[in-house]
Amino acid sequence: MTTYDSIDDWRIRINGHEHGVPHVHVEFRDGSRISVAIATRQVLVGGVTPAKRLKEALADIEANEAKYLGEYRRLNP
């Protein structure tokens, strides 16, 4: 598992031994969790409010797509 700290409201986690489309887990300070497809930024599981919080996390995933995808592939060959 690899964890990337980001804004103090959330962090990105990538697990090994995963299945399905390459994705990251976003964990919010209040305990909310979502799974997001790296390439499309589609929320696969979960939800978070307000929308601004989700928008910030999705922008980070877009900006770091290559890094997150590379790490996902390293952990899930």
C-alpha atoms as a PDB file:
ATOM      1  CA  MET A   1       0.000   0.000   0.000  1.00  0.00           C
ATOM      2  CA  THR A   2       1.193   3.479  -0.836  1.00  0.00           C
ATOM      3  CA  THR A   3      -0.273   6.593   0.766  1.00  0.00           C
ATOM      4  CA  TYR A   4       0.098  10.107  -0.602  1.00  0.00           C
ATOM      5  CA  ASP A   5      -0.702  12.918   1.801  1.00  0.00           C
ATOM      6  CA  SER A   6      -2.370  15.874   0.196  1.00  0.00           C
ATOM      7  CA  ILE A   7      -4.517  18.696   1.432  1.00  0.00           C
ATOM      8  CA  ASP A   8      -5.184  18.298   5.137  1.00  0.00           C
ATOM      9  CA  ASP A   9      -8.781  17.260   4.376  1.00  0.00           C
ATOM     10  CA  TRP A  10      -7.947  14.099   2.419  1.00  0.00           C
ATOM     11  CA  ARG A  11      -5.268  11.645   1.306  1.00  0.00           C
ATOM     12  CA  ILE A  12      -4.807   9.242  -1.591  1.00  0.00           C
ATOM     13  CA  ARG A  13      -4.133   5.537  -1.022  1.00  0.00           C
ATOM     14  CA  ILE A  14      -3.207   2.868  -3.573  1.00  0.00           C
ATOM     15  CA  ASN A  15      -3.471  -0.771  -2.540  1.00  0.00           C
ATOM     16  CA  GLY A  16      -1.845  -3.910  -3.882  1.00  0.00           C
ATOM     17  CA  HIS A  17      -3.826  -7.036  -4.780  1.00  0.00           C
ATOM     18  CA  GLU A  18      -6.638  -4.976  -6.303  1.00  0.00           C
ATOM     19  CA  HIS A  19      -8.943  -5.855  -9.179  1.00  0.00           C
ATOM     20  CA  GLY A  20     -10.946  -3.979 -11.786  1.00  0.00           C
ATOM     21  CA  VAL A  21      -9.933  -0.708 -13.370  1.00  0.00           C
ATOM     22  CA  PRO A  22      -6.859   1.075 -12.006  1.00  0.00           C
ATOM     23  CA  HIS A  23      -8.103   3.255  -9.160  1.00  0.00           C
ATOM     24  CA  VAL A  24      -7.150   5.138  -6.028  1.00  0.00           C
ATOM     25  CA  HIS A  25      -8.862   5.379  -2.672  1.00  0.00           C
ATOM     26  CA  VAL A  26      -9.495   8.859  -1.316  1.00  0.00           C
ATOM     27  CA  GLU A  27      -9.939   9.072   2.445  1.00  0.00           C
ATOM     28  CA  PHE A  28     -11.364  12.269   3.894  1.00  0.00           C
ATOM     29  CA  ARG A  29     -10.740  13.564   7.399  1.00  0.00           C
ATOM     30  CA  ASP A  30     -14.397  13.053   8.389  1.00  0.00           C
ATOM     31  CA  GLY A  31     -14.197   9.332   7.533  1.00  0.00           C
ATOM     32  CA  SER A  32     -15.804   9.577   4.076  1.00  0.00           C
ATOM     33  CA  ARG A  33     -14.158   7.339   1.482  1.00  0.00           C
ATOM     34  CA  ILE A  34     -14.397   7.039  -2.263  1.00  0.00           C
ATOM     35  CA  SER A  35     -12.717   4.970  -4.951  1.00  0.00           C
ATOM     36  CA  VAL A  36     -11.895   6.824  -8.161  1.00  0.00           C
ATOM     37  CA  ALA A  37     -10.774   5.490 -11.558  1.00  0.00           C
ATOM     38  CA  ILE A  38      -7.401   7.052 -12.304  1.00  0.00           C
ATOM     39  CA  ALA A  39      -7.830   7.544 -16.049  1.00  0.00           C
ATOM     40  CA  THR A  40     -11.413   8.812 -16.113  1.00  0.00           C
ATOM     41  CA  ARG A  41     -11.750  10.262 -12.599  1.00  0.00           C
ATOM     42  CA  GLN A  42     -15.109   8.464 -12.337  1.00  0.00           C
ATOM     43  CA  VAL A  43     -16.208   7.799  -8.761  1.00  0.00           C
ATOM     44  CA  LEU A  44     -16.566   4.018  -8.565  1.00  0.00           C
ATOM     45  CA  VAL A  45     -17.674   3.657  -4.952  1.00  0.00           C
ATOM     46  CA  GLY A  46     -18.741   6.058  -2.225  1.00  0.00           C
ATOM     47  CA  GLY A  47     -19.562   9.710  -2.083  1.00  0.00           C
ATOM     48  CA  VAL A  48     -18.582  12.922  -0.376  1.00  0.00           C
ATOM     49  CA  THR A  49     -20.136  16.313   0.239  1.00  0.00           C
ATOM     50  CA  PRO A  50     -19.836  19.166  -0.408  1.00  0.00           C
ATOM     51  CA  ALA A  51     -18.909  18.866  -4.062  1.00  0.00           C
ATOM     52  CA  LYS A  52     -15.914  21.203  -3.591  1.00  0.00           C
ATOM     53  CA  ARG A  53     -14.111  18.505  -1.597  1.00  0.00           C
ATOM     54  CA  LEU A  54     -14.571  16.004  -4.413  1.00  0.00           C
ATOM     55  CA  LYS A  55     -13.488  18.549  -7.027  1.00  0.00           C
ATOM     56  CA  GLU A  56     -10.173  19.152  -5.229  1.00  0.00           C
ATOM     57  CA  ALA A  57      -9.411  15.443  -4.978  1.00  0.00           C
ATOM     58  CA  LEU A  58     -10.283  14.839  -8.636  1.00  0.00           C
ATOM     59  CA  ALA A  59      -8.034  17.726  -9.685  1.00  0.00           C
ATOM     60  CA  ASP A  60      -5.156  16.123  -7.766  1.00  0.00           C
ATOM     61  CA  ILE A  61      -5.776  12.752  -9.421  1.00  0.00           C
ATOM     62  CA  GLU A  62      -5.794  14.417 -12.844  1.00  0.00           C
ATOM     63  CA  ALA A  63      -2.585  16.347 -12.127  1.00  0.00           C
ATOM     64  CA  ASN A  64      -0.817  13.217 -10.863  1.00  0.00           C
ATOM     65  CA  GLU A  65      -2.382  10.647 -13.186  1.00  0.00           C
ATOM     66  CA  ALA A  66       0.925   9.234 -14.477  1.00  0.00           C
ATOM     67  CA  LYS A  67       2.373   8.880 -10.968  1.00  0.00           C
ATOM     68  CA  TYR A  68      -0.728   7.190  -9.558  1.00  0.00           C
ATOM     69  CA  LEU A  69      -1.152   4.911 -12.569  1.00  0.00           C
ATOM     70  CA  GLY A  70       2.518   3.891 -12.415  1.00  0.00           C
ATOM     71  CA  GLU A  71       2.231   3.080  -8.726  1.00  0.00           C
ATOM     72  CA  TYR A  72      -1.022   1.159  -9.252  1.00  0.00           C
ATOM     73  CA  ARG A  73       0.650  -0.941 -11.948  1.00  0.00           C
ATOM     74  CA  ARG A  74       3.710  -1.517  -9.759  1.00  0.00           C
ATOM     75  CA  LEU A  75       1.550  -2.788  -6.893  1.00  0.00           C
ATOM     76  CA  ASN A  76      -0.825  -4.718  -9.182  1.00  0.00           C
ATOM     77  CA  PRO A  77       1.276  -6.313 -11.942  1.00  0.00           C
END
